[in-house]
């Protein structure tokens, strides 16, 4: 199974969000035939957003995020 890099994950989320917003605007403008598409896109967005992103720490890193220097 191939995993997305952090950048790929963000790009996918941004592109999907833009598409979902455009479809949502069209549904709001009266194109109700796109409602099923909107529901599917929102489901995909939620699935991707619920995924876990693993980021490896830099070699030699000793501090945790938010920890004072």
N, C-alpha and C. Protein backbone atom coordinates (compact mmCIF):
# COMPACT_ATOMS: atom_id res chain seq x y z
N UNK A 1 0.85 -1.17 0.00
CA UNK A 1 0.00 0.00 0.00
C UNK A 1 0.89 1.23 0.00
N UNK A 2 0.59 2.16 -0.89
CA UNK A 2 1.36 3.40 -0.96
C UNK A 2 0.73 4.45 -0.06
N UNK A 3 1.58 5.19 0.61
CA UNK A 3 1.10 6.25 1.49
C UNK A 3 1.45 7.60 0.89
N UNK A 4 0.60 8.56 1.11
CA UNK A 4 0.86 9.91 0.62
C UNK A 4 1.86 10.61 1.53
N UNK A 5 2.66 11.47 0.92
CA UNK A 5 3.53 12.31 1.73
C UNK A 5 2.65 13.37 2.38
N UNK A 6 3.21 14.08 3.34
CA UNK A 6 2.47 15.15 4.00
C UNK A 6 1.99 16.18 2.99
N UNK A 7 2.88 16.57 2.07
CA UNK A 7 2.53 17.58 1.05
C UNK A 7 1.43 17.06 0.13
N UNK A 8 1.52 15.80 -0.29
CA UNK A 8 0.49 15.22 -1.14
C UNK A 8 -0.86 15.19 -0.43
N UNK A 9 -0.82 14.85 0.86
CA UNK A 9 -2.04 14.81 1.66
C UNK A 9 -2.69 16.19 1.70
N UNK A 10 -1.89 17.23 1.95
CA UNK A 10 -2.43 18.59 2.00
C UNK A 10 -2.97 19.04 0.65
N UNK A 11 -2.25 18.74 -0.41
CA UNK A 11 -2.70 19.12 -1.75
C UNK A 11 -4.02 18.43 -2.10
N UNK A 12 -4.13 17.17 -1.77
CA UNK A 12 -5.37 16.43 -2.01
C UNK A 12 -6.52 17.04 -1.22
N UNK A 13 -6.28 17.36 0.04
CA UNK A 13 -7.33 17.95 0.87
C UNK A 13 -7.76 19.31 0.33
N UNK A 14 -6.79 20.12 -0.09
CA UNK A 14 -7.12 21.45 -0.63
C UNK A 14 -7.92 21.34 -1.93
N UNK A 15 -7.49 20.46 -2.83
CA UNK A 15 -8.20 20.29 -4.10
C UNK A 15 -9.61 19.77 -3.88
N UNK A 16 -9.75 18.80 -3.01
CA UNK A 16 -11.07 18.24 -2.72
C UNK A 16 -11.98 19.29 -2.07
N UNK A 17 -11.40 20.09 -1.18
CA UNK A 17 -12.17 21.14 -0.53
C UNK A 17 -12.66 22.17 -1.54
N UNK A 18 -11.80 22.53 -2.48
CA UNK A 18 -12.20 23.50 -3.52
C UNK A 18 -13.32 22.94 -4.38
N UNK A 19 -13.19 21.68 -4.79
CA UNK A 19 -14.23 21.04 -5.60
C UNK A 19 -15.54 20.95 -4.82
N UNK A 20 -15.46 20.54 -3.56
CA UNK A 20 -16.66 20.43 -2.73
C UNK A 20 -17.35 21.78 -2.58
N UNK A 21 -16.57 22.84 -2.36
CA UNK A 21 -17.15 24.17 -2.23
C UNK A 21 -17.85 24.62 -3.51
N UNK A 22 -17.27 24.31 -4.66
CA UNK A 22 -17.90 24.69 -5.93
C UNK A 22 -19.21 23.93 -6.13
N UNK A 23 -19.20 22.64 -5.82
CA UNK A 23 -20.43 21.86 -5.95
C UNK A 23 -21.47 22.35 -4.94
N UNK A 24 -21.04 22.66 -3.73
CA UNK A 24 -21.95 23.17 -2.70
C UNK A 24 -22.60 24.48 -3.17
N UNK A 25 -21.81 25.36 -3.78
CA UNK A 25 -22.35 26.63 -4.30
C UNK A 25 -23.38 26.38 -5.40
N UNK A 26 -23.12 25.40 -6.26
CA UNK A 26 -24.07 25.09 -7.33
C UNK A 26 -25.36 24.49 -6.78
N UNK A 27 -25.24 23.66 -5.76
CA UNK A 27 -26.45 23.11 -5.12
C UNK A 27 -27.25 24.25 -4.50
N UNK A 28 -26.57 25.16 -3.82
CA UNK A 28 -27.25 26.30 -3.20
C UNK A 28 -27.90 27.20 -4.25
N UNK A 29 -27.32 27.24 -5.45
CA UNK A 29 -27.86 28.07 -6.53
C UNK A 29 -29.02 27.39 -7.26
N UNK A 30 -29.37 26.17 -6.85
CA UNK A 30 -30.53 25.51 -7.44
C UNK A 30 -30.24 24.26 -8.24
N UNK A 31 -28.97 23.90 -8.42
CA UNK A 31 -28.64 22.68 -9.16
C UNK A 31 -28.75 21.47 -8.22
N UNK A 32 -29.98 21.16 -7.85
CA UNK A 32 -30.20 20.12 -6.84
C UNK A 32 -29.81 18.73 -7.31
N UNK A 33 -29.67 18.54 -8.63
CA UNK A 33 -29.24 17.23 -9.13
C UNK A 33 -27.82 16.89 -8.68
N UNK A 34 -27.07 17.88 -8.18
CA UNK A 34 -25.71 17.65 -7.70
C UNK A 34 -25.67 17.30 -6.21
N UNK A 35 -26.82 17.19 -5.56
CA UNK A 35 -26.85 16.91 -4.13
C UNK A 35 -26.16 15.59 -3.78
N UNK A 36 -26.41 14.56 -4.57
CA UNK A 36 -25.76 13.27 -4.29
C UNK A 36 -24.25 13.37 -4.45
N UNK A 37 -23.81 14.13 -5.45
CA UNK A 37 -22.37 14.34 -5.65
C UNK A 37 -21.79 15.08 -4.47
N UNK A 38 -22.49 16.09 -3.98
CA UNK A 38 -22.03 16.85 -2.82
C UNK A 38 -21.91 15.95 -1.60
N UNK A 39 -22.89 15.11 -1.38
CA UNK A 39 -22.86 14.19 -0.24
C UNK A 39 -21.66 13.25 -0.34
N UNK A 40 -21.40 12.74 -1.54
CA UNK A 40 -20.25 11.85 -1.74
C UNK A 40 -18.94 12.59 -1.49
N UNK A 41 -18.81 13.80 -2.00
CA UNK A 41 -17.59 14.59 -1.80
C UNK A 41 -17.36 14.88 -0.32
N UNK A 42 -18.43 15.22 0.40
CA UNK A 42 -18.30 15.49 1.83
C UNK A 42 -17.88 14.24 2.60
N UNK A 43 -18.39 13.09 2.18
CA UNK A 43 -17.99 11.83 2.80
C UNK A 43 -16.51 11.56 2.57
N UNK A 44 -16.06 11.78 1.35
CA UNK A 44 -14.64 11.58 1.03
C UNK A 44 -13.78 12.56 1.83
N UNK A 45 -14.20 13.82 1.93
CA UNK A 45 -13.46 14.81 2.72
C UNK A 45 -13.32 14.36 4.18
N UNK A 46 -14.42 13.90 4.75
CA UNK A 46 -14.40 13.45 6.14
C UNK A 46 -13.50 12.24 6.33
N UNK A 47 -13.50 11.34 5.36
CA UNK A 47 -12.66 10.15 5.44
C UNK A 47 -11.18 10.54 5.39
N UNK A 48 -10.83 11.43 4.49
CA UNK A 48 -9.44 11.87 4.38
C UNK A 48 -9.03 12.64 5.63
N UNK A 49 -9.91 13.50 6.12
CA UNK A 49 -9.59 14.31 7.31
C UNK A 49 -9.41 13.43 8.54
N UNK A 50 -10.06 12.29 8.58
CA UNK A 50 -9.95 11.40 9.73
C UNK A 50 -8.70 10.53 9.68
N UNK A 51 -8.01 10.55 8.53
CA UNK A 51 -6.80 9.74 8.39
C UNK A 51 -5.69 10.22 9.31
N UNK A 52 -4.73 9.36 9.52
CA UNK A 52 -3.61 9.67 10.39
C UNK A 52 -2.41 10.03 9.53
N UNK A 53 -1.79 11.13 9.84
CA UNK A 53 -0.58 11.55 9.15
C UNK A 53 0.59 11.30 10.08
N UNK A 54 1.54 10.50 9.63
CA UNK A 54 2.73 10.20 10.43
C UNK A 54 3.87 11.05 9.90
N UNK A 55 4.49 11.81 10.78
CA UNK A 55 5.62 12.63 10.41
C UNK A 55 6.81 12.18 11.23
N UNK A 56 7.86 11.75 10.53
CA UNK A 56 9.05 11.30 11.23
C UNK A 56 9.80 12.50 11.79
N UNK A 57 10.29 12.42 13.02
CA UNK A 57 11.09 13.51 13.55
C UNK A 57 12.45 13.57 12.85
N UNK A 58 13.01 14.74 12.82
CA UNK A 58 14.34 14.90 12.24
C UNK A 58 15.35 14.11 13.07
N UNK A 59 16.35 13.55 12.43
CA UNK A 59 17.38 12.86 13.19
C UNK A 59 18.04 13.82 14.18
N UNK A 60 18.17 13.40 15.39
CA UNK A 60 18.81 14.23 16.41
C UNK A 60 17.86 15.20 17.10
N UNK A 61 16.60 15.21 16.71
CA UNK A 61 15.64 16.11 17.35
C UNK A 61 15.40 15.64 18.78
N UNK A 62 15.46 16.57 19.71
CA UNK A 62 15.29 16.21 21.11
C UNK A 62 14.09 16.87 21.75
N UNK A 63 13.55 17.92 21.12
CA UNK A 63 12.43 18.63 21.72
C UNK A 63 11.12 18.16 21.11
N UNK A 64 10.06 18.27 21.88
CA UNK A 64 8.71 17.99 21.41
C UNK A 64 8.10 19.29 20.93
N UNK A 65 7.11 19.21 20.06
CA UNK A 65 6.41 20.40 19.58
C UNK A 65 5.82 21.15 20.77
N UNK A 66 6.02 22.45 20.77
CA UNK A 66 5.49 23.28 21.85
C UNK A 66 6.42 23.39 23.03
N UNK A 67 7.47 22.62 23.03
CA UNK A 67 8.42 22.65 24.15
C UNK A 67 9.34 23.85 23.97
N UNK A 68 9.62 24.54 25.05
CA UNK A 68 10.49 25.73 24.99
C UNK A 68 11.91 25.34 24.61
N UNK A 69 12.54 26.25 23.92
CA UNK A 69 13.94 26.00 23.48
C UNK A 69 14.90 26.11 24.63
